[in-house]
Amino acid sequence: MKITMAQINPTVGDLEGNFQVITQAIARAHQDQSDLIVFPELAIIGYPPQDLMERSWFVEDTRRYLDQVVACSERYAGLGILIGVPTNSPEPGKALYNSAVLIYHGDILAERHKSLLPSYDVFDETRYFEPALHNLPVNFKGERLGINICEDAWNDLDFWPSRLPYRSDPISKLADAGATVLINLSASPYHAGKESLRYDLISGHARKHGIPFIYVNQVGGNDELIFDGHSLAVDGFGEVLAFAAGFEADLVTFDVHTAGRTLRYMPEEEIPSIYKALVLGLRDYVHKSGFKKAILGLSGGIDSSLTACLAVAALGQSNVLGLAMPSQYSSPASLEDALALAQNLGIAIHTIPISGVLQSYLDTLSPHIGGPYDTTEENIQARIRGNYLMAFSNKLGHLVLSTGNKSEIAMGYCTLYGDMSGGLSVLADVPKTMVYELSRFCNRHTELIPARVLTKAPSAELRFDQTDQDTLPPYEILDQILHFYIEQGESASGIVSRGFDEAMVKQIVAGVDRNEYKRRQAAPGLKVTSKAFGSGRRMPIAARLRHPLL
């Protein structure tokens, strides 16, 4: 049997646009004399559809587009179409199933529904869908297709060593019921290291049951989530038969029973993978939101420099505009570095000093709030810059990119309505130490980011001789503690037991908890770690936590 993995990049809600992509893929699979083309989970509507699933008119429109796919199939003799779409549930409970529909010669041969509905991290499928009551293989062209959807493949003890999250194992049930090919329609979001996990998962299922396993993933950015593709097919020994590209749409046709033609497969290295994810996520967020161009503040620092590099890679140099907004506290070297970066990248930059406006603010406010110079006056500078960026955005129609990194955002080392202003926070899930790694990666071929930016002490330059380490612990230590607290969910006492200084752990944990209100008001950020500040982390704001060490 020849199978085509259709790794497409759908836009959530764009039924017509997604239908056009789907029909083009079907025509291509037919040219390749494929027996079956497999699309990702919920391919017709894009994933995640969120509360669109609660709009009856939208669900009805979805059904009409499924009917169009069925009608389209009549033109392609011999080609089966397996596609993800919501279908109506007659059972008590939620009105919909998350389904895979098998189409052939103008008919729907079978519908199979998702059994395991995730409701952790960024997932909330129990809000919309009813789980399948049962699932059996489907007979098609001499094979018994074990059709399953995304999470159905993840209830594996090797990946949940402490406790399996679900009672049932859909993959084992399909294998026991006589499936000869396992096919998973997926929309699996990216985070660093996820590709290796999936490879181990899919090849492990195939070896365990002695059955080929086909895994077809969505690609593209949808809001904060990035889908990396990396669709994969393995034989019954877990050896790779075919794989699709990472971070781009791809169609791959192969024979599922071709003996002795396995391929060598190596997951991508972490930093190149994260770089590609950020570029894809930024590009799709801008374009799918209806923008063409972006604007950002260029301070001459490492974060804005990296963000500019990513923006140029995603959108092209003619579609990125920089603003340099120095005050009396900005060093001449920082302005030089901002201008050099813009020249290296080939982007336009405007220099607009803010010292006069700052002084006007201070003169106006001093009779009323007075007091010594402190963070109040520092934050005014950040908010002036945020206002300038938004003025350009309103006038020119550019999307503002905010440039803060995960370490700063975690600790609240950022200014509401100032440097947090923007439509997308590109580095919101990138720790500061990784910012440096990614910046060096950007310079791998030629110096885009000036060398001095990579070596000077990080500073917000909101007062004379300021450095980040005046306020924050060293980033090398801060990022480790943040990883254990945010991504691993460890307690403060558990982190101290790892050998970290107790006072420093107290400072960092308290800082993270105290600044939840800021993060709730931040721009959406692209997710590249296992736990980002966003929809997958839902912490209360008006709360009082009592840690054992605090």
Protein backbone atom coordinates (compact mmCIF):
# COMPACT_ATOMS: atom_id res chain seq x y z
CA MET A 1 0.00 0.00 0.00
CA LYS A 2 1.30 3.45 -0.99
CA ILE A 3 0.53 6.10 1.59
CA THR A 4 0.97 9.88 1.37
CA MET A 5 1.64 11.84 4.54
CA ALA A 6 0.07 15.29 3.98
CA GLN A 7 1.87 17.55 6.43
CA ILE A 8 -0.06 20.78 5.90
CA ASN A 9 -0.12 24.21 7.56
CA PRO A 10 -3.79 25.08 8.20
CA THR A 11 -5.05 28.40 9.51
CA VAL A 12 -7.54 28.04 12.34
CA GLY A 13 -11.03 28.85 11.11
CA ASP A 14 -10.06 29.40 7.46
CA LEU A 15 -12.25 26.68 6.01
CA GLU A 16 -11.95 27.83 2.40
CA GLY A 17 -8.18 28.38 2.56
CA ASN A 18 -7.63 25.04 4.27
CA PHE A 19 -9.89 23.29 1.73
CA GLN A 20 -7.77 24.64 -1.12
CA VAL A 21 -4.59 23.32 0.53
CA ILE A 22 -6.27 19.95 1.11
CA THR A 23 -7.49 19.55 -2.48
CA GLN A 24 -4.05 20.44 -3.85
CA ALA A 25 -2.51 17.74 -1.67
CA ILE A 26 -5.11 15.21 -2.82
CA ALA A 27 -4.34 15.94 -6.48
CA ARG A 28 -0.62 15.52 -5.81
CA ALA A 29 -1.15 12.19 -4.02
CA HIS A 30 -3.22 10.95 -6.95
CA GLN A 31 -0.37 11.86 -9.32
CA ASP A 32 1.94 9.82 -7.11
CA GLN A 33 -0.47 6.84 -7.48
CA SER A 34 -1.03 6.75 -3.76
CA ASP A 35 -3.64 4.42 -2.24
CA LEU A 36 -4.28 6.59 0.81
CA ILE A 37 -3.54 10.20 1.77
CA VAL A 38 -3.48 11.00 5.49
CA PHE A 39 -4.04 14.52 6.84
CA PRO A 40 -3.44 15.81 10.39
CA GLU A 41 -5.91 16.07 13.27
CA LEU A 42 -8.78 18.53 12.63
CA ALA A 43 -7.11 19.48 9.34
CA ILE A 44 -10.20 21.14 7.86
CA ILE A 45 -10.48 23.69 10.68
CA GLY A 46 -6.92 23.87 12.05
CA TYR A 47 -5.77 23.14 15.58
CA PRO A 48 -6.53 24.32 18.21
CA PRO A 49 -10.00 25.66 17.28
CA GLN A 50 -10.78 26.52 20.92
CA ASP A 51 -14.25 28.06 21.43
CA LEU A 52 -15.03 28.01 17.72
CA MET A 53 -16.27 24.52 18.63
CA GLU A 54 -19.03 26.19 20.64
CA ARG A 55 -20.32 28.11 17.60
CA SER A 56 -22.99 25.96 15.94
CA TRP A 57 -22.81 27.92 12.67
CA PHE A 58 -19.08 27.24 12.42
CA VAL A 59 -19.50 23.52 13.05
CA GLU A 60 -22.21 23.43 10.35
CA ASP A 61 -19.87 25.18 7.90
CA THR A 62 -17.21 22.60 8.74
CA ARG A 63 -19.58 19.81 7.77
CA ARG A 64 -20.26 21.48 4.43
CA TYR A 65 -16.54 21.57 3.68
CA LEU A 66 -16.22 17.91 4.63
CA ASP A 67 -18.98 17.23 2.09
CA GLN A 68 -16.89 19.11 -0.50
CA VAL A 69 -13.90 16.87 0.25
CA VAL A 70 -16.18 13.84 -0.21
CA ALA A 71 -17.38 15.22 -3.55
CA CYS A 72 -13.80 15.96 -4.58
CA SER A 73 -12.82 12.33 -3.93
CA GLU A 74 -15.01 11.16 -6.81
CA ARG A 75 -12.47 12.59 -9.25
CA TYR A 76 -9.58 10.50 -7.89
CA ALA A 77 -10.21 6.82 -8.51
CA GLY A 78 -8.25 4.53 -6.25
CA LEU A 79 -7.28 7.15 -3.66
CA GLY A 80 -8.58 7.01 -0.10
CA ILE A 81 -8.61 10.18 2.01
CA LEU A 82 -8.19 10.07 5.78
CA ILE A 83 -8.79 13.48 7.31
CA GLY A 84 -9.38 15.04 10.71
CA VAL A 85 -12.64 16.91 11.36
CA PRO A 86 -15.17 17.38 14.19
CA THR A 87 -18.30 15.25 13.87
CA ASN A 88 -21.56 15.20 15.79
CA SER A 89 -21.90 12.98 18.84
CA PRO A 90 -25.33 11.40 19.50
CA GLU A 91 -24.26 10.39 23.01
CA PRO A 92 -25.15 12.35 26.17
CA GLY A 93 -22.47 14.87 27.04
CA LYS A 94 -20.53 17.07 24.63
CA ALA A 95 -22.05 17.52 21.17
CA LEU A 96 -18.91 16.69 19.18
CA TYR A 97 -16.28 14.07 18.56
CA ASN A 98 -12.73 14.82 17.45
CA SER A 99 -12.78 12.48 14.47
CA ALA A 100 -10.90 10.93 11.59
CA VAL A 101 -13.03 10.31 8.51
CA LEU A 102 -12.08 7.81 5.78
CA ILE A 103 -13.38 8.87 2.36
CA TYR A 104 -13.30 6.83 -0.87
CA HIS A 105 -14.95 7.32 -4.28
CA GLY A 106 -17.49 9.87 -3.07
CA ASP A 107 -18.46 7.98 0.09
CA ILE A 108 -17.55 8.07 3.76
CA LEU A 109 -16.39 4.54 4.55
CA ALA A 110 -15.76 5.03 8.24
CA GLU A 111 -15.52 7.48 11.10
CA ARG A 112 -13.21 6.93 14.06
CA HIS A 113 -13.14 9.17 17.09
CA LYS A 114 -10.43 10.26 19.49
CA SER A 115 -10.44 8.19 22.68
CA LEU A 116 -8.07 10.14 24.95
CA LEU A 117 -8.89 13.83 25.36
CA PRO A 118 -6.04 15.82 26.94
CA SER A 119 -6.84 18.55 29.44
CA TYR A 120 -3.35 19.42 30.70
CA ASP A 121 -0.88 22.16 29.77
CA VAL A 122 -2.17 23.92 26.60
CA PHE A 123 -4.86 21.31 25.91
CA ASP A 124 -8.53 21.60 26.87
CA GLU A 125 -10.31 19.04 24.69
CA THR A 126 -12.74 17.81 27.35
CA ARG A 127 -14.28 21.29 27.10
CA TYR A 128 -15.51 20.54 23.57
CA PHE A 129 -15.40 16.82 22.74
CA GLU A 130 -16.83 13.53 23.88
CA PRO A 131 -14.38 10.58 23.98
CA ALA A 132 -14.91 7.55 21.74
CA LEU A 133 -16.67 4.63 23.40
CA HIS A 134 -14.80 2.09 21.29
CA ASN A 135 -12.51 1.91 18.27
CA LEU A 136 -11.93 -0.96 15.86
CA PRO A 137 -9.70 -1.25 12.77
CA VAL A 138 -11.13 -0.35 9.37
CA ASN A 139 -10.80 -2.68 6.39
CA PHE A 140 -9.33 -0.84 3.39
CA LYS A 141 -7.55 -2.20 0.32
CA GLY A 142 -6.48 -5.42 1.99
CA GLU A 143 -5.24 -3.74 5.17
CA ARG A 144 -6.83 -3.26 8.58
CA LEU A 145 -6.20 0.37 9.45
CA GLY A 146 -5.77 1.09 13.15
CA ILE A 147 -6.85 4.73 13.05
CA ASN A 148 -6.08 6.82 16.12
CA ILE A 149 -5.71 10.52 16.89
CA CYS A 150 -2.81 12.34 18.56
CA GLU A 151 -3.16 11.75 22.34
CA ASP A 152 -4.36 8.17 21.72
CA ALA A 153 -0.71 7.23 21.13
CA TRP A 154 0.70 8.88 24.26
CA ASN A 155 -0.61 6.64 27.08
CA ASP A 156 2.70 4.79 27.23
CA LEU A 157 4.31 3.85 30.54
CA ASP A 158 7.77 4.76 29.23
CA PHE A 159 6.65 8.42 29.00
CA TRP A 160 4.66 8.53 32.25
CA PRO A 161 6.88 6.53 34.64
CA SER A 162 5.05 7.54 37.81
CA ARG A 163 1.45 7.07 36.71
CA LEU A 164 -0.39 6.59 33.43
CA PRO A 165 -2.81 9.50 32.86
CA TYR A 166 -5.52 7.34 31.27
CA ARG A 167 -7.07 3.96 32.04
CA SER A 168 -7.05 2.64 28.47
CA ASP A 169 -4.38 2.12 25.81
CA PRO A 170 -5.99 2.68 22.39
CA ILE A 171 -2.92 1.52 20.48
CA SER A 172 -2.78 -1.87 22.21
CA LYS A 173 -6.51 -2.32 21.69
CA LEU A 174 -6.18 -1.68 17.95
CA ALA A 175 -3.25 -4.06 17.70
CA ASP A 176 -5.15 -6.76 19.62
CA ALA A 177 -8.14 -6.24 17.30
CA GLY A 178 -6.01 -7.14 14.28
CA ALA A 179 -4.75 -3.83 12.90
CA THR A 180 -2.10 -4.33 10.23
CA VAL A 181 -1.15 -0.62 9.99
CA LEU A 182 -1.40 1.95 12.78
CA ILE A 183 -2.16 5.52 11.61
CA ASN A 184 -2.09 8.54 13.91
CA LEU A 185 -3.55 11.90 12.83
CA SER A 186 -1.87 14.49 15.01
CA ALA A 187 -1.59 18.14 15.96
CA SER A 188 1.30 17.88 18.39
CA PRO A 189 2.76 21.25 19.50
CA TYR A 190 6.49 21.78 19.54
CA HIS A 191 8.80 22.21 22.46
CA ALA A 192 12.53 21.62 22.66
CA GLY A 193 13.20 17.88 22.69
CA LYS A 194 9.69 16.90 21.53
CA GLU A 195 10.88 15.50 18.19
CA SER A 196 13.06 12.89 19.91
CA LEU A 197 10.21 11.97 22.26
CA ARG A 198 7.85 11.39 19.35
CA TYR A 199 10.40 9.30 17.48
CA ASP A 200 10.91 7.10 20.53
CA LEU A 201 7.14 6.88 21.06
CA ILE A 202 6.21 5.90 17.50
CA SER A 203 9.07 3.46 16.94
CA GLY A 204 8.36 1.95 20.37
CA HIS A 205 4.73 1.22 19.49
CA ALA A 206 5.77 -0.35 16.20
CA ARG A 207 8.36 -2.63 17.83
CA LYS A 208 6.02 -3.58 20.68
CA HIS A 209 3.23 -4.71 18.36
CA GLY A 210 5.23 -5.62 15.24
CA ILE A 211 3.04 -3.32 13.13
CA PRO A 212 4.00 -0.37 10.88
CA PHE A 213 3.08 2.99 12.40
CA ILE A 214 2.27 6.13 10.37
CA TYR A 215 2.31 9.45 12.23
CA VAL A 216 1.12 12.61 10.41
CA ASN A 217 1.55 15.92 12.23
CA GLN A 218 0.35 19.45 11.53
CA VAL A 219 2.94 22.15 10.82
CA GLY A 220 2.81 25.92 11.35
CA GLY A 221 2.17 28.51 14.03
CA ASN A 222 -1.28 29.08 15.52
CA ASP A 223 -1.23 31.79 18.20
CA GLU A 224 1.30 30.79 20.87
CA LEU A 225 1.64 27.20 19.64
CA ILE A 226 4.12 26.08 17.03
CA PHE A 227 3.65 22.78 15.20
CA ASP A 228 6.89 21.41 13.81
CA GLY A 229 5.67 18.68 11.47
CA HIS A 230 8.35 15.97 11.44
CA SER A 231 5.75 13.42 10.29
CA LEU A 232 7.12 9.90 10.43
CA ALA A 233 6.50 6.36 9.17
CA VAL A 234 8.20 3.27 10.64
CA ASP A 235 7.97 -0.43 9.84
CA GLY A 236 7.10 -3.20 12.27
CA PHE A 237 10.66 -3.20 13.59
CA GLY A 238 10.58 0.51 14.35
CA GLU A 239 12.87 1.33 11.42
CA VAL A 240 12.11 4.51 9.49
CA LEU A 241 10.35 4.12 6.15
CA ALA A 242 9.75 7.83 5.45
CA PHE A 243 9.82 11.19 7.18
CA ALA A 244 8.70 14.69 6.37
CA ALA A 245 10.59 17.95 6.79
CA GLY A 246 10.57 19.93 9.99
CA PHE A 247 8.92 23.37 10.25
CA GLU A 248 7.54 23.40 6.70
CA ALA A 249 4.67 21.88 4.76
CA ASP A 250 5.57 18.63 3.06
CA LEU A 251 3.99 15.73 1.16
CA VAL A 252 5.75 12.36 1.29
CA THR A 253 4.58 9.22 -0.50
CA PHE A 254 6.01 5.78 0.37
CA ASP A 255 5.14 2.08 0.31
CA VAL A 256 4.31 0.83 3.78
CA HIS A 257 5.46 -2.72 2.99
CA THR A 258 8.69 -2.03 1.11
CA ALA A 259 11.20 -4.35 2.73
CA GLY A 260 14.85 -3.41 3.23
CA ARG A 261 14.46 0.30 2.37
CA THR A 262 14.65 1.93 5.76
CA LEU A 263 16.18 5.36 6.25
CA ARG A 264 18.57 6.89 8.75
CA TYR A 265 16.77 9.43 10.91
CA MET A 266 18.33 11.88 13.37
CA PRO A 267 16.29 14.46 15.31
CA GLU A 268 17.44 18.05 14.90
CA GLU A 269 19.82 19.62 17.40
CA GLU A 270 18.20 21.82 20.05
CA ILE A 271 19.34 25.36 19.15
CA PRO A 272 18.80 25.07 15.37
CA SER A 273 15.42 23.51 16.10
CA ILE A 274 14.35 26.32 18.46
CA TYR A 275 15.56 28.92 15.95
CA LYS A 276 13.41 27.38 13.19
CA ALA A 277 10.45 27.15 15.55
CA LEU A 278 10.65 30.82 16.50
CA VAL A 279 10.98 31.90 12.86
CA LEU A 280 7.98 29.80 11.84
CA GLY A 281 5.90 30.91 14.81
CA LEU A 282 6.68 34.58 14.23
CA ARG A 283 5.97 34.39 10.50
CA ASP A 284 2.65 32.62 10.89
CA TYR A 285 1.50 34.80 13.79
CA VAL A 286 2.13 37.94 11.75
CA HIS A 287 0.63 36.68 8.49
CA LYS A 288 -2.31 34.73 9.94
CA SER A 289 -3.22 37.78 12.03
CA GLY A 290 -3.46 39.86 8.86
CA PHE A 291 -0.19 41.82 9.13
CA LYS A 292 2.67 42.05 6.65
CA LYS A 293 5.27 44.05 8.55
CA ALA A 294 6.65 44.33 12.07
CA ILE A 295 8.29 47.05 14.16
CA LEU A 296 10.43 46.77 17.30
CA GLY A 297 12.59 48.88 19.54
CA LEU A 298 16.35 48.41 19.02
CA SER A 299 18.27 49.21 22.20
CA GLY A 300 21.63 47.79 21.20
CA GLY A 301 21.05 44.92 23.64
CA ILE A 302 21.04 41.20 23.09
CA ASP A 303 17.26 40.61 23.29
CA SER A 304 16.20 43.21 20.74
CA SER A 305 19.09 42.18 18.48
CA LEU A 306 18.00 38.53 18.47
CA THR A 307 14.36 39.48 17.95
CA ALA A 308 15.33 41.60 14.94
CA CYS A 309 17.30 38.69 13.44
CA LEU A 310 14.34 36.36 13.87
CA ALA A 311 11.98 38.94 12.37
CA VAL A 312 14.13 39.38 9.28
CA ALA A 313 14.41 35.61 8.83
CA ALA A 314 10.63 35.29 9.16
CA LEU A 315 9.39 38.33 7.24
CA GLY A 316 12.26 39.65 5.11
CA GLN A 317 14.37 42.76 5.67
CA SER A 318 11.98 45.10 3.86
CA ASN A 319 9.19 44.14 6.27
CA VAL A 320 10.99 44.94 9.53
CA LEU A 321 11.41 48.45 10.98
CA GLY A 322 13.53 49.36 13.98
CA LEU A 323 13.26 52.31 16.36
CA ALA A 324 16.25 53.46 18.40
CA MET A 325 15.02 55.62 21.28
CA PRO A 326 18.00 56.70 23.38
CA SER A 327 17.74 58.71 26.59
CA GLN A 328 20.49 60.44 28.56
CA TYR A 329 21.09 57.08 30.27
CA SER A 330 21.77 55.23 27.00
CA SER A 331 25.43 54.67 26.30
CA PRO A 332 26.84 55.82 22.94
CA ALA A 333 28.00 52.24 22.39
CA SER A 334 24.44 50.93 22.61
CA LEU A 335 23.20 53.31 19.92
CA GLU A 336 26.20 52.39 17.76
CA ASP A 337 25.37 48.69 18.19
CA ALA A 338 21.69 49.25 17.30
CA LEU A 339 22.63 51.13 14.13
CA ALA A 340 25.26 48.50 13.22
CA LEU A 341 22.72 45.70 13.69
CA ALA A 342 20.22 47.47 11.42
CA GLN A 343 22.90 47.91 8.77
CA ASN A 344 23.99 44.26 9.03
CA LEU A 345 20.39 43.09 8.65
CA GLY A 346 19.54 45.61 5.94
CA ILE A 347 16.52 47.00 7.79
CA ALA A 348 15.37 50.59 8.13
CA ILE A 349 15.84 52.29 11.49
CA HIS A 350 14.66 55.61 12.91
CA THR A 351 16.50 57.28 15.78
CA ILE A 352 14.19 59.28 18.06
CA PRO A 353 15.76 60.55 21.31
CA ILE A 354 13.37 60.58 24.28
CA SER A 355 15.32 62.79 26.74
CA GLY A 356 13.17 65.88 26.08
CA VAL A 357 9.90 63.99 26.45
CA LEU A 358 11.20 62.32 29.62
CA GLN A 359 12.08 65.68 31.13
CA SER A 360 8.63 66.99 30.28
CA TYR A 361 7.09 64.03 32.10
CA LEU A 362 9.29 64.63 35.14
CA ASP A 363 8.55 68.35 35.23
CA THR A 364 4.83 67.66 35.05
CA LEU A 365 4.80 64.92 37.68
CA SER A 366 7.34 66.20 40.21
CA PRO A 367 5.00 68.66 41.97
CA HIS A 368 2.59 65.80 42.57
CA ILE A 369 4.64 62.66 43.25
CA GLY A 370 8.13 64.05 43.99
CA GLY A 371 10.64 61.89 45.84
CA PRO A 372 14.05 60.57 44.77
CA TYR A 373 14.69 59.05 41.33
CA ASP A 374 13.65 55.38 41.44
CA THR A 375 11.88 52.75 39.35
CA THR A 376 8.99 55.16 38.77
CA GLU A 377 11.18 57.39 36.61
CA GLU A 378 12.87 54.36 35.04
CA ASN A 379 9.52 52.95 33.99
CA ILE A 380 8.44 56.26 32.46
CA GLN A 381 11.26 55.85 29.94
CA ALA A 382 10.07 52.37 28.99
CA ARG A 383 6.50 53.64 28.63
CA ILE A 384 7.55 56.54 26.40
CA ARG A 385 9.24 54.01 24.13
CA GLY A 386 6.15 51.82 24.17
CA ASN A 387 4.00 54.79 23.16
CA TYR A 388 6.33 55.64 20.28
CA LEU A 389 6.21 52.08 18.99
CA MET A 390 2.42 52.00 19.19
CA ALA A 391 2.17 55.32 17.37
CA PHE A 392 4.22 53.91 14.48
CA SER A 393 2.09 50.74 14.60
CA ASN A 394 -1.17 52.70 14.38
CA LYS A 395 0.07 54.92 11.57
CA LEU A 396 1.88 52.30 9.46
CA GLY A 397 -0.08 49.15 10.31
CA HIS A 398 3.00 47.28 11.58
CA LEU A 399 2.75 44.68 14.35
CA VAL A 400 4.84 45.61 17.42
CA LEU A 401 7.19 42.88 18.60
CA SER A 402 8.10 43.00 22.28
CA THR A 403 11.57 41.72 23.07
CA GLY A 404 11.63 40.56 26.72
CA ASN A 405 12.98 37.09 27.50
CA LYS A 406 11.56 34.39 29.80
CA SER A 407 14.01 35.09 32.64
CA GLU A 408 13.02 38.76 32.83
CA ILE A 409 9.31 38.08 32.45
CA ALA A 410 9.46 35.41 35.16
CA MET A 411 10.95 37.89 37.64
CA GLY A 412 8.86 40.89 36.59
CA TYR A 413 11.99 42.66 35.32
CA CYS A 414 9.90 44.41 32.69
CA THR A 415 7.53 47.38 32.51
CA LEU A 416 3.79 47.09 32.06
CA TYR A 417 2.64 49.31 29.15
CA GLY A 418 6.31 49.93 28.37
CA ASP A 419 8.71 47.30 27.02
CA MET A 420 5.88 44.76 27.48
CA SER A 421 3.80 46.59 24.86
CA GLY A 422 3.30 44.67 21.64
CA GLY A 423 1.27 42.21 19.65
CA LEU A 424 3.70 39.30 20.01
CA SER A 425 6.38 38.54 22.58
CA VAL A 426 8.86 36.58 20.49
CA LEU A 427 11.28 35.55 23.27
CA ALA A 428 8.74 35.13 26.09
CA ASP A 429 9.63 31.43 26.45
CA VAL A 430 13.38 31.78 25.79
CA PRO A 431 15.57 31.96 28.92
CA LYS A 432 18.36 34.53 28.88
CA THR A 433 21.14 31.95 28.62
CA MET A 434 19.41 30.50 25.56
CA VAL A 435 19.12 34.02 24.09
CA TYR A 436 22.92 34.05 23.91
CA GLU A 437 23.04 30.59 22.33
CA LEU A 438 20.51 31.60 19.68
CA SER A 439 22.35 34.86 19.03
CA ARG A 440 25.59 33.00 18.41
CA PHE A 441 23.64 30.71 16.06
CA CYS A 442 22.42 33.77 14.14
CA ASN A 443 26.07 34.78 13.68
CA ARG A 444 27.15 31.32 12.47
CA HIS A 445 27.74 32.45 8.88
CA THR A 446 28.40 36.16 9.25
CA GLU A 447 28.27 38.77 12.00
CA LEU A 448 24.70 40.02 12.14
CA ILE A 449 24.67 40.84 15.84
CA PRO A 450 27.70 43.03 16.66
CA ALA A 451 30.29 41.12 18.71
CA ARG A 452 30.16 43.69 21.51
CA VAL A 453 26.47 42.93 22.10
CA LEU A 454 27.39 39.33 22.94
CA THR A 455 30.05 40.28 25.48
CA LYS A 456 28.86 43.38 27.33
CA ALA A 457 26.91 43.13 30.58
CA PRO A 458 23.13 43.16 29.97
CA SER A 459 21.48 46.42 31.01
CA ALA A 460 18.12 48.14 30.69
CA GLU A 461 20.03 51.47 30.72
CA LEU A 462 17.30 53.28 32.66
CA ARG A 463 19.85 54.87 35.00
CA PHE A 464 23.60 55.47 34.86
CA ASP A 465 25.87 52.40 35.25
CA GLN A 466 22.91 50.02 35.54
CA THR A 467 23.25 46.28 34.88
CA ASP A 468 20.67 43.50 35.11
CA GLN A 469 22.70 41.82 37.83
CA ASP A 470 22.08 44.81 40.12
CA THR A 471 18.56 43.43 40.50
CA LEU A 472 18.63 39.82 39.31
CA PRO A 473 20.81 36.85 40.27
CA PRO A 474 23.37 35.77 37.64
CA TYR A 475 21.46 34.42 34.67
CA GLU A 476 23.40 31.14 34.69
CA ILE A 477 21.94 30.39 38.13
CA LEU A 478 18.59 32.14 37.67
CA ASP A 479 17.72 30.12 34.59
CA GLN A 480 18.45 26.82 36.32
CA ILE A 481 16.23 27.66 39.29
CA LEU A 482 13.46 28.95 36.99
CA HIS A 483 13.63 25.69 35.03
CA PHE A 484 13.09 23.59 38.14
CA TYR A 485 10.34 25.85 39.52
CA ILE A 486 8.37 26.63 36.33
CA GLU A 487 8.98 23.73 33.96
CA GLN A 488 9.55 20.92 36.44
CA GLY A 489 7.13 22.19 39.10
CA GLU A 490 9.55 21.57 41.97
CA SER A 491 9.07 23.06 45.43
CA ALA A 492 11.40 25.68 46.81
CA SER A 493 12.75 23.18 49.34
CA GLY A 494 13.33 20.65 46.58
CA ILE A 495 15.34 23.18 44.59
CA VAL A 496 17.46 24.04 47.66
CA SER A 497 18.14 20.32 48.16
CA ARG A 498 19.76 20.34 44.73
CA GLY A 499 22.49 22.57 46.15
CA PHE A 500 21.22 26.08 45.35
CA ASP A 501 21.57 28.90 47.86
CA GLU A 502 18.45 29.13 50.02
CA ALA A 503 18.26 32.93 50.04
CA MET A 504 18.55 33.03 46.25
CA VAL A 505 15.85 30.39 45.81
CA LYS A 506 13.57 32.41 48.10
CA GLN A 507 14.18 35.55 46.06
CA ILE A 508 13.48 33.86 42.74
CA VAL A 509 10.41 31.89 43.81
CA ALA A 510 8.88 34.97 45.46
CA GLY A 511 9.63 37.01 42.34
CA VAL A 512 7.88 34.53 40.06
CA ASP A 513 4.80 34.36 42.29
CA ARG A 514 4.60 38.12 42.84
CA ASN A 515 4.59 38.99 39.14
CA GLU A 516 1.78 36.80 37.91
CA TYR A 517 -0.35 39.94 37.38
CA LYS A 518 2.19 41.34 34.92
CA ARG A 519 2.37 38.19 32.86
CA ARG A 520 -1.42 38.01 32.59
CA GLN A 521 -1.29 41.35 30.73
CA ALA A 522 1.63 40.47 28.47
CA ALA A 523 1.45 39.93 24.73
CA PRO A 524 1.11 36.30 23.56
CA GLY A 525 4.46 34.53 23.53
CA LEU A 526 5.73 31.71 21.31
CA LYS A 527 6.01 28.41 23.19
CA VAL A 528 9.33 26.54 22.82
CA THR A 529 9.81 24.90 26.24
CA SER A 530 7.74 22.26 28.00
CA LYS A 531 6.05 24.91 30.20
CA ALA A 532 5.58 28.45 28.93
CA PHE A 533 3.87 31.49 30.42
CA GLY A 534 0.60 31.29 28.50
CA SER A 535 -2.51 29.14 28.20
CA GLY A 536 -0.66 26.11 29.56
CA ARG A 537 0.15 27.77 32.91
CA ARG A 538 -2.91 28.92 34.81
CA MET A 539 -1.91 30.42 38.14
CA PRO A 540 -4.08 32.69 40.31
CA ILE A 541 -3.20 36.38 40.66
CA ALA A 542 -4.97 37.35 43.87
CA ALA A 543 -3.43 34.58 45.96
CA ARG A 544 -1.05 34.05 48.85
CA LEU A 545 1.31 31.11 48.56
CA ARG A 546 3.09 29.81 51.61
CA HIS A 547 6.20 27.95 50.48
CA PRO A 548 7.97 25.90 53.16
CA LEU A 549 11.07 28.11 52.85
CA LEU A 550 9.32 31.49 52.68
